[in-house]
Amino acid sequence: MKAIIAVAAALVAGAAFAQSGADVLKAKGCNNCHEADKKKVGPSFKDIAAKKKSEAELVAKLKEGKGHPKVAASDAELKAAVQHVLATK
């Protein structure tokens, strides 16, 4: 029983430290090439969201480096970043 409580507490603590999508974009350097509403080196987040690619497709593209430089981030970080980008319509 104590082990279950310890695992649950660790999961809750980990969730409290999860970064928001905007924080991930900043921390991973995405804002160096992209802006919310203006094209920089890469397309704006609004343009990316307008193409209506699936969340899974964008996460895979970032994770595998297909058509975009590979991003060193956890699956949770990539998912948070992509969700933030897709919400910028």
PDB file of N, CA and C in Angstrom:
ATOM      1  N   MET A   1       0.830  -1.193   0.000  1.00  0.00           N
ATOM      2  CA  MET A   1       0.000   0.000   0.000  1.00  0.00           C
ATOM      3  C   MET A   1       0.872   1.254   0.000  1.00  0.00           C
ATOM      4  N   LYS A   2       1.944   1.246   0.805  1.00  0.00           N
ATOM      5  CA  LYS A   2       2.829   2.410   0.852  1.00  0.00           C
ATOM      6  C   LYS A   2       3.486   2.648  -0.505  1.00  0.00           C
ATOM      7  N   ALA A   3       3.799   1.569  -1.209  1.00  0.00           N
ATOM      8  CA  ALA A   3       4.430   1.697  -2.523  1.00  0.00           C
ATOM      9  C   ALA A   3       3.486   2.366  -3.507  1.00  0.00           C
ATOM     10  N   ILE A   4       2.215   2.021  -3.444  1.00  0.00           N
ATOM     11  CA  ILE A   4       1.228   2.625  -4.348  1.00  0.00           C
ATOM     12  C   ILE A   4       1.112   4.121  -4.075  1.00  0.00           C
ATOM     13  N   ILE A   5       1.094   4.482  -2.820  1.00  0.00           N
ATOM     14  CA  ILE A   5       1.000   5.898  -2.446  1.00  0.00           C
ATOM     15  C   ILE A   5       2.248   6.640  -2.908  1.00  0.00           C
ATOM     16  N   ALA A   6       3.410   6.022  -2.762  1.00  0.00           N
ATOM     17  CA  ALA A   6       4.657   6.660  -3.191  1.00  0.00           C
ATOM     18  C   ALA A   6       4.683   6.874  -4.704  1.00  0.00           C
ATOM     19  N   VAL A   7       4.225   5.885  -5.456  1.00  0.00           N
ATOM     20  CA  VAL A   7       4.186   6.007  -6.912  1.00  0.00           C
ATOM     21  C   VAL A   7       3.200   7.104  -7.314  1.00  0.00           C
ATOM     22  N   ALA A   8       2.047   7.132  -6.693  1.00  0.00           N
ATOM     23  CA  ALA A   8       1.049   8.161  -7.003  1.00  0.00           C
ATOM     24  C   ALA A   8       1.593   9.552  -6.687  1.00  0.00           C
ATOM     25  N   ALA A   9       2.282   9.705  -5.576  1.00  0.00           N
ATOM     26  CA  ALA A   9       2.861  11.002  -5.207  1.00  0.00           C
ATOM     27  C   ALA A   9       3.925  11.425  -6.208  1.00  0.00           C
ATOM     28  N   ALA A  10       4.730  10.483  -6.671  1.00  0.00           N
ATOM     29  CA  ALA A  10       5.763  10.792  -7.657  1.00  0.00           C
ATOM     30  C   ALA A  10       5.146  11.234  -8.978  1.00  0.00           C
ATOM     31  N   LEU A  11       4.071  10.588  -9.379  1.00  0.00           N
ATOM     32  CA  LEU A  11       3.388  10.971 -10.621  1.00  0.00           C
ATOM     33  C   LEU A  11       2.795  12.369 -10.516  1.00  0.00           C
ATOM     34  N   VAL A  12       2.189  12.676  -9.391  1.00  0.00           N
ATOM     35  CA  VAL A  12       1.612  14.005  -9.188  1.00  0.00           C
ATOM     36  C   VAL A  12       2.713  15.051  -9.167  1.00  0.00           C
ATOM     37  N   ALA A  13       3.818  14.770  -8.517  1.00  0.00           N
ATOM     38  CA  ALA A  13       4.939  15.711  -8.462  1.00  0.00           C
ATOM     39  C   ALA A  13       5.512  15.926  -9.856  1.00  0.00           C
ATOM     40  N   GLY A  14       5.627  14.870 -10.631  1.00  0.00           N
ATOM     41  CA  GLY A  14       6.137  14.994 -11.998  1.00  0.00           C
ATOM     42  C   GLY A  14       5.224  15.820 -12.868  1.00  0.00           C
ATOM     43  N   ALA A  15       3.933  15.663 -12.691  1.00  0.00           N
ATOM     44  CA  ALA A  15       2.974  16.439 -13.471  1.00  0.00           C
ATOM     45  C   ALA A  15       3.055  17.916 -13.125  1.00  0.00           C
ATOM     46  N   ALA A  16       3.376  18.224 -11.868  1.00  0.00           N
ATOM     47  CA  ALA A  16       3.484  19.615 -11.455  1.00  0.00           C
ATOM     48  C   ALA A  16       4.670  20.306 -12.125  1.00  0.00           C
ATOM     49  N   PHE A  17       5.692  19.554 -12.484  1.00  0.00           N
ATOM     50  CA  PHE A  17       6.883  20.123 -13.094  1.00  0.00           C
ATOM     51  C   PHE A  17       6.851  20.084 -14.620  1.00  0.00           C
ATOM     52  N   ALA A  18       5.783  19.603 -15.203  1.00  0.00           N
ATOM     53  CA  ALA A  18       5.690  19.534 -16.661  1.00  0.00           C
ATOM     54  C   ALA A  18       5.670  20.948 -17.233  1.00  0.00           C
ATOM     55  N   GLN A  19       6.401  21.138 -18.312  1.00  0.00           N
ATOM     56  CA  GLN A  19       6.460  22.446 -18.941  1.00  0.00           C
ATOM     57  C   GLN A  19       5.252  22.674 -19.834  1.00  0.00           C
ATOM     58  N   SER A  20       4.861  23.923 -19.932  1.00  0.00           N
ATOM     59  CA  SER A  20       3.802  24.263 -20.877  1.00  0.00           C
ATOM     60  C   SER A  20       4.380  24.225 -22.281  1.00  0.00           C
ATOM     61  N   GLY A  21       3.507  24.176 -23.272  1.00  0.00           N
ATOM     62  CA  GLY A  21       3.960  24.165 -24.656  1.00  0.00           C
ATOM     63  C   GLY A  21       4.806  25.376 -24.995  1.00  0.00           C
ATOM     64  N   ALA A  22       4.400  26.551 -24.524  1.00  0.00           N
ATOM     65  CA  ALA A  22       5.160  27.778 -24.791  1.00  0.00           C
ATOM     66  C   ALA A  22       6.549  27.708 -24.161  1.00  0.00           C
ATOM     67  N   ASP A  23       6.634  27.130 -22.970  1.00  0.00           N
ATOM     68  CA  ASP A  23       7.935  26.983 -22.303  1.00  0.00           C
ATOM     69  C   ASP A  23       8.841  26.034 -23.073  1.00  0.00           C
ATOM     70  N   VAL A  24       8.272  24.960 -23.593  1.00  0.00           N
ATOM     71  CA  VAL A  24       9.057  23.994 -24.376  1.00  0.00           C
ATOM     72  C   VAL A  24       9.577  24.660 -25.647  1.00  0.00           C
ATOM     73  N   LEU A  25       8.716  25.410 -26.340  1.00  0.00           N
ATOM     74  CA  LEU A  25       9.137  26.091 -27.564  1.00  0.00           C
ATOM     75  C   LEU A  25      10.309  27.033 -27.291  1.00  0.00           C
ATOM     76  N   LYS A  26      10.249  27.722 -26.176  1.00  0.00           N
ATOM     77  CA  LYS A  26      11.326  28.651 -25.806  1.00  0.00           C
ATOM     78  C   LYS A  26      12.587  27.879 -25.421  1.00  0.00           C
ATOM     79  N   ALA A  27      12.439  26.857 -24.595  1.00  0.00           N
ATOM     80  CA  ALA A  27      13.589  26.106 -24.090  1.00  0.00           C
ATOM     81  C   ALA A  27      14.322  25.339 -25.189  1.00  0.00           C
ATOM     82  N   LYS A  28      13.593  24.856 -26.172  1.00  0.00           N
ATOM     83  CA  LYS A  28      14.196  24.047 -27.236  1.00  0.00           C
ATOM     84  C   LYS A  28      14.659  24.896 -28.419  1.00  0.00           C
ATOM     85  N   GLY A  29      14.495  26.211 -28.338  1.00  0.00           N
ATOM     86  CA  GLY A  29      14.996  27.094 -29.379  1.00  0.00           C
ATOM     87  C   GLY A  29      14.091  27.225 -30.589  1.00  0.00           C
ATOM     88  N   CYS A  30      12.856  26.786 -30.485  1.00  0.00           N
ATOM     89  CA  CYS A  30      11.926  26.864 -31.627  1.00  0.00           C
ATOM     90  C   CYS A  30      11.680  28.314 -32.045  1.00  0.00           C
ATOM     91  N   ASN A  31      11.690  29.208 -31.057  1.00  0.00           N
ATOM     92  CA  ASN A  31      11.421  30.618 -31.338  1.00  0.00           C
ATOM     93  C   ASN A  31      12.554  31.291 -32.094  1.00  0.00           C
ATOM     94  N   ASN A  32      13.678  30.616 -32.240  1.00  0.00           N
ATOM     95  CA  ASN A  32      14.766  31.170 -33.045  1.00  0.00           C
ATOM     96  C   ASN A  32      14.401  31.176 -34.525  1.00  0.00           C
ATOM     97  N   CYS A  33      13.592  30.218 -34.951  1.00  0.00           N
ATOM     98  CA  CYS A  33      13.232  30.085 -36.368  1.00  0.00           C
ATOM     99  C   CYS A  33      11.758  30.351 -36.649  1.00  0.00           C
ATOM    100  N   HIS A  34      10.916  30.327 -35.616  1.00  0.00           N
ATOM    101  CA  HIS A  34       9.472  30.473 -35.788  1.00  0.00           C
ATOM    102  C   HIS A  34       8.933  31.546 -34.857  1.00  0.00           C
ATOM    103  N   GLU A  35       7.879  32.228 -35.291  1.00  0.00           N
ATOM    104  CA  GLU A  35       7.106  33.143 -34.447  1.00  0.00           C
ATOM    105  C   GLU A  35       5.647  32.753 -34.556  1.00  0.00           C
ATOM    106  N   ALA A  36       4.847  33.255 -33.656  1.00  0.00           N
ATOM    107  CA  ALA A  36       3.426  32.900 -33.655  1.00  0.00           C
ATOM    108  C   ALA A  36       2.730  33.316 -34.941  1.00  0.00           C
ATOM    109  N   ASP A  37       2.989  34.541 -35.400  1.00  0.00           N
ATOM    110  CA  ASP A  37       2.220  35.033 -36.541  1.00  0.00           C
ATOM    111  C   ASP A  37       3.050  35.603 -37.687  1.00  0.00           C
ATOM    112  N   LYS A  38       4.372  35.454 -37.625  1.00  0.00           N
ATOM    113  CA  LYS A  38       5.234  35.945 -38.703  1.00  0.00           C
ATOM    114  C   LYS A  38       6.213  34.869 -39.137  1.00  0.00           C
ATOM    115  N   LYS A  39       6.467  34.807 -40.442  1.00  0.00           N
ATOM    116  CA  LYS A  39       7.477  33.896 -40.963  1.00  0.00           C
ATOM    117  C   LYS A  39       8.849  34.434 -40.600  1.00  0.00           C
ATOM    118  N   LYS A  40       9.709  33.564 -40.095  1.00  0.00           N
ATOM    119  CA  LYS A  40      11.108  33.896 -39.833  1.00  0.00           C
ATOM    120  C   LYS A  40      11.923  33.009 -40.764  1.00  0.00           C
ATOM    121  N   VAL A  41      12.786  32.214 -40.228  1.00  0.00           N
ATOM    122  CA  VAL A  41      13.505  31.206 -41.016  1.00  0.00           C
ATOM    123  C   VAL A  41      12.521  30.118 -41.438  1.00  0.00           C
ATOM    124  N   GLY A  42      11.663  29.734 -40.499  1.00  0.00           N
ATOM    125  CA  GLY A  42      10.628  28.747 -40.769  1.00  0.00           C
ATOM    126  C   GLY A  42       9.261  29.402 -40.764  1.00  0.00           C
ATOM    127  N   PRO A  43       8.219  28.653 -41.080  1.00  0.00           N
ATOM    128  CA  PRO A  43       6.865  29.218 -41.115  1.00  0.00           C
ATOM    129  C   PRO A  43       6.383  29.623 -39.723  1.00  0.00           C
ATOM    130  N   SER A  44       5.397  30.511 -39.702  1.00  0.00           N
ATOM    131  CA  SER A  44       4.813  30.913 -38.422  1.00  0.00           C
ATOM    132  C   SER A  44       4.029  29.741 -37.832  1.00  0.00           C
ATOM    133  N   PHE A  45       3.808  29.790 -36.528  1.00  0.00           N
ATOM    134  CA  PHE A  45       3.018  28.743 -35.884  1.00  0.00           C
ATOM    135  C   PHE A  45       1.596  28.733 -36.443  1.00  0.00           C
ATOM    136  N   LYS A  46       1.060  29.927 -36.774  1.00  0.00           N
ATOM    137  CA  LYS A  46      -0.288  29.994 -37.361  1.00  0.00           C
ATOM    138  C   LYS A  46      -0.325  29.282 -38.703  1.00  0.00           C
ATOM    139  N   ASP A  47       0.721  29.452 -39.517  1.00  0.00           N
ATOM    140  CA  ASP A  47       0.761  28.773 -40.817  1.00  0.00           C
ATOM    141  C   ASP A  47       0.872  27.260 -40.648  1.00  0.00           C
ATOM    142  N   ILE A  48       1.651  26.839 -39.669  1.00  0.00           N
ATOM    143  CA  ILE A  48       1.785  25.402 -39.388  1.00  0.00           C
ATOM    144  C   ILE A  48       0.429  24.839 -38.966  1.00  0.00           C
ATOM    145  N   ALA A  49      -0.252  25.543 -38.065  1.00  0.00           N
ATOM    146  CA  ALA A  49      -1.554  25.085 -37.578  1.00  0.00           C
ATOM    147  C   ALA A  49      -2.598  25.078 -38.693  1.00  0.00           C
ATOM    148  N   ALA A  50      -2.487  26.032 -39.620  1.00  0.00           N
ATOM    149  CA  ALA A  50      -3.466  26.128 -40.708  1.00  0.00           C
ATOM    150  C   ALA A  50      -3.376  24.947 -41.672  1.00  0.00           C
ATOM    151  N   LYS A  51      -2.217  24.308 -41.737  1.00  0.00           N
ATOM    152  CA  LYS A  51      -2.069  23.143 -42.619  1.00  0.00           C
ATOM    153  C   LYS A  51      -2.810  21.926 -42.082  1.00  0.00           C
ATOM    154  N   LYS A  52      -3.252  21.990 -40.825  1.00  0.00           N
ATOM    155  CA  LYS A  52      -4.083  20.966 -40.188  1.00  0.00           C
ATOM    156  C   LYS A  52      -3.462  19.571 -40.216  1.00  0.00           C
ATOM    157  N   LYS A  53      -2.173  19.494 -39.976  1.00  0.00           N
ATOM    158  CA  LYS A  53      -1.559  18.176 -39.832  1.00  0.00           C
ATOM    159  C   LYS A  53      -1.958  17.628 -38.470  1.00  0.00           C
ATOM    160  N   SER A  54      -1.942  16.334 -38.341  1.00  0.00           N
ATOM    161  CA  SER A  54      -2.318  15.743 -37.060  1.00  0.00           C
ATOM    162  C   SER A  54      -1.207  15.962 -36.043  1.00  0.00           C
ATOM    163  N   GLU A  55      -1.604  15.939 -34.794  1.00  0.00           N
ATOM    164  CA  GLU A  55      -0.642  16.088 -33.696  1.00  0.00           C
ATOM    165  C   GLU A  55       0.426  15.004 -33.789  1.00  0.00           C
ATOM    166  N   ALA A  56      -0.001  13.776 -34.023  1.00  0.00           N
ATOM    167  CA  ALA A  56       0.939  12.651 -34.087  1.00  0.00           C
ATOM    168  C   ALA A  56       1.930  12.817 -35.233  1.00  0.00           C
ATOM    169  N   GLU A  57       1.454  13.323 -36.378  1.00  0.00           N
ATOM    170  CA  GLU A  57       2.330  13.526 -37.529  1.00  0.00           C
ATOM    171  C   GLU A  57       3.401  14.584 -37.240  1.00  0.00           C
ATOM    172  N   LEU A  58       2.996  15.679 -36.590  1.00  0.00           N
ATOM    173  CA  LEU A  58       3.956  16.730 -36.263  1.00  0.00           C
ATOM    174  C   LEU A  58       4.966  16.275 -35.211  1.00  0.00           C
ATOM    175  N   VAL A  59       4.503  15.543 -34.203  1.00  0.00           N
ATOM    176  CA  VAL A  59       5.410  15.018 -33.178  1.00  0.00           C
ATOM    177  C   VAL A  59       6.434  14.090 -33.829  1.00  0.00           C
ATOM    178  N   ALA A  60       5.978  13.220 -34.721  1.00  0.00           N
ATOM    179  CA  ALA A  60       6.883  12.291 -35.404  1.00  0.00           C
ATOM    180  C   ALA A  60       7.905  13.039 -36.252  1.00  0.00           C
ATOM    181  N   LYS A  61       7.459  14.092 -36.928  1.00  0.00           N
ATOM    182  CA  LYS A  61       8.348  14.889 -37.777  1.00  0.00           C
ATOM    183  C   LYS A  61       9.470  15.514 -36.947  1.00  0.00           C
ATOM    184  N   LEU A  62       9.121  16.028 -35.781  1.00  0.00           N
ATOM    185  CA  LEU A  62      10.122  16.646 -34.907  1.00  0.00           C
ATOM    186  C   LEU A  62      11.040  15.596 -34.277  1.00  0.00           C
ATOM    187  N   LYS A  63      10.456  14.472 -33.916  1.00  0.00           N
ATOM    188  CA  LYS A  63      11.206  13.410 -33.246  1.00  0.00           C
ATOM    189  C   LYS A  63      12.192  12.725 -34.187  1.00  0.00           C
ATOM    190  N   GLU A  64      11.766  12.506 -35.433  1.00  0.00           N
ATOM    191  CA  GLU A  64      12.578  11.759 -36.395  1.00  0.00           C
ATOM    192  C   GLU A  64      13.424  12.650 -37.295  1.00  0.00           C
ATOM    193  N   GLY A  65      13.138  13.950 -37.307  1.00  0.00           N
ATOM    194  CA  GLY A  65      13.905  14.859 -38.148  1.00  0.00           C
ATOM    195  C   GLY A  65      13.562  14.759 -39.624  1.00  0.00           C
ATOM    196  N   LYS A  66      12.316  14.470 -39.941  1.00  0.00           N
ATOM    197  CA  LYS A  66      11.883  14.389 -41.342  1.00  0.00           C
ATOM    198  C   LYS A  66      11.287  15.726 -41.763  1.00  0.00           C
ATOM    199  N   GLY A  67      12.010  16.475 -42.597  1.00  0.00           N
ATOM    200  CA  GLY A  67      11.532  17.773 -43.053  1.00  0.00           C
ATOM    201  C   GLY A  67      11.727  18.885 -42.053  1.00  0.00           C
ATOM    202  N   HIS A  68      12.353  18.578 -40.929  1.00  0.00           N
ATOM    203  CA  HIS A  68      12.615  19.544 -39.870  1.00  0.00           C
ATOM    204  C   HIS A  68      13.797  18.994 -39.080  1.00  0.00           C
ATOM    205  N   PRO A  69      14.692  19.860 -38.598  1.00  0.00           N
ATOM    206  CA  PRO A  69      15.784  19.334 -37.770  1.00  0.00           C
ATOM    207  C   PRO A  69      15.246  18.530 -36.585  1.00  0.00           C
ATOM    208  N   LYS A  70      15.916  17.446 -36.273  1.00  0.00           N
ATOM    209  CA  LYS A  70      15.519  16.590 -35.155  1.00  0.00           C
ATOM    210  C   LYS A  70      15.587  17.384 -33.854  1.00  0.00           C
ATOM    211  N   VAL A  71      14.579  17.250 -33.021  1.00  0.00           N
ATOM    212  CA  VAL A  71      14.504  17.985 -31.763  1.00  0.00           C
ATOM    213  C   VAL A  71      14.768  17.020 -30.612  1.00  0.00           C
ATOM    214  N   ALA A  72      15.721  17.379 -29.772  1.00  0.00           N
ATOM    215  CA  ALA A  72      16.044  16.562 -28.602  1.00  0.00           C
ATOM    216  C   ALA A  72      15.084  16.940 -27.473  1.00  0.00           C
ATOM    217  N   ALA A  73      14.000  16.191 -27.374  1.00  0.00           N
ATOM    218  CA  ALA A  73      12.988  16.450 -26.355  1.00  0.00           C
ATOM    219  C   ALA A  73      12.240  15.161 -26.070  1.00  0.00           C
ATOM    220  N   SER A  74      11.638  15.112 -24.891  1.00  0.00           N
ATOM    221  CA  SER A  74      10.843  13.929 -24.532  1.00  0.00           C
ATOM    222  C   SER A  74       9.539  13.945 -25.319  1.00  0.00           C
ATOM    223  N   ASP A  75       8.882  12.809 -25.347  1.00  0.00           N
ATOM    224  CA  ASP A  75       7.592  12.719 -26.027  1.00  0.00           C
ATOM    225  C   ASP A  75       6.589  13.699 -25.420  1.00  0.00           C
ATOM    226  N   ALA A  76       6.598  13.830 -24.094  1.00  0.00           N
ATOM    227  CA  ALA A  76       5.677  14.750 -23.424  1.00  0.00           C
ATOM    228  C   ALA A  76       5.969  16.198 -23.814  1.00  0.00           C
ATOM    229  N   GLU A  77       7.246  16.553 -23.908  1.00  0.00           N
ATOM    230  CA  GLU A  77       7.607  17.913 -24.315  1.00  0.00           C
ATOM    231  C   GLU A  77       7.179  18.189 -25.753  1.00  0.00           C
ATOM    232  N   LEU A  78       7.446  17.235 -26.637  1.00  0.00           N
ATOM    233  CA  LEU A  78       7.056  17.408 -28.039  1.00  0.00           C
ATOM    234  C   LEU A  78       5.545  17.539 -28.170  1.00  0.00           C
ATOM    235  N   LYS A  79       4.819  16.720 -27.444  1.00  0.00           N
ATOM    236  CA  LYS A  79       3.363  16.766 -27.497  1.00  0.00           C
ATOM    237  C   LYS A  79       2.849  18.118 -26.999  1.00  0.00           C
ATOM    238  N   ALA A  80       3.415  18.623 -25.893  1.00  0.00           N
ATOM    239  CA  ALA A  80       2.994  19.923 -25.356  1.00  0.00           C
ATOM    240  C   ALA A  80       3.287  21.041 -26.346  1.00  0.00           C
ATOM    241  N   ALA A  81       4.458  20.998 -26.982  1.00  0.00           N
ATOM    242  CA  ALA A  81       4.830  22.028 -27.952  1.00  0.00           C
ATOM    243  C   ALA A  81       3.902  21.999 -29.156  1.00  0.00           C
ATOM    244  N   VAL A  82       3.638  20.815 -29.681  1.00  0.00           N
ATOM    245  CA  VAL A  82       2.769  20.681 -30.857  1.00  0.00           C
ATOM    246  C   VAL A  82       1.342  21.118 -30.515  1.00  0.00           C
ATOM    247  N   GLN A  83       0.842  20.755 -29.357  1.00  0.00           N
ATOM    248  CA  GLN A  83      -0.493  21.179 -28.964  1.00  0.00           C
ATOM    249  C   GLN A  83      -0.570  22.703 -28.889  1.00  0.00           C
ATOM    250  N   HIS A  84       0.491  23.334 -28.381  1.00  0.00           N
ATOM    251  CA  HIS A  84       0.516  24.795 -28.306  1.00  0.00           C
ATOM    252  C   HIS A  84       0.507  25.406 -29.708  1.00  0.00           C
ATOM    253  N   VAL A  85       1.302  24.861 -30.602  1.00  0.00           N
ATOM    254  CA  VAL A  85       1.359  25.366 -31.973  1.00  0.00           C
ATOM    255  C   VAL A  85       0.002  25.199 -32.661  1.00  0.00           C
ATOM    256  N   LEU A  86      -0.618  24.052 -32.519  1.00  0.00           N
ATOM    257  CA  LEU A  86      -1.900  23.806 -33.165  1.00  0.00           C
ATOM    258  C   LEU A  86      -3.016  24.676 -32.604  1.00  0.00           C
ATOM    259  N   ALA A  87      -2.842  25.176 -31.389  1.00  0.00           N
ATOM    260  CA  ALA A  87      -3.850  26.042 -30.762  1.00  0.00           C
ATOM    261  C   ALA A  87      -3.698  27.502 -31.185  1.00  0.00           C
ATOM    262  N   THR A  88      -2.674  27.836 -31.983  1.00  0.00           N
ATOM    263  CA  THR A  88      -2.430  29.228 -32.359  1.00  0.00           C
ATOM    264  C   THR A  88      -3.163  29.646 -33.624  1.00  0.00           C
ATOM    265  N   LYS A  89      -4.182  28.947 -34.011  1.00  0.00           N
ATOM    266  CA  LYS A  89      -4.917  29.248 -35.254  1.00  0.00           C
ATOM    267  C   LYS A  89      -5.423  30.652 -35.289  1.00  0.00           C
TER     268      LYS A  89
END
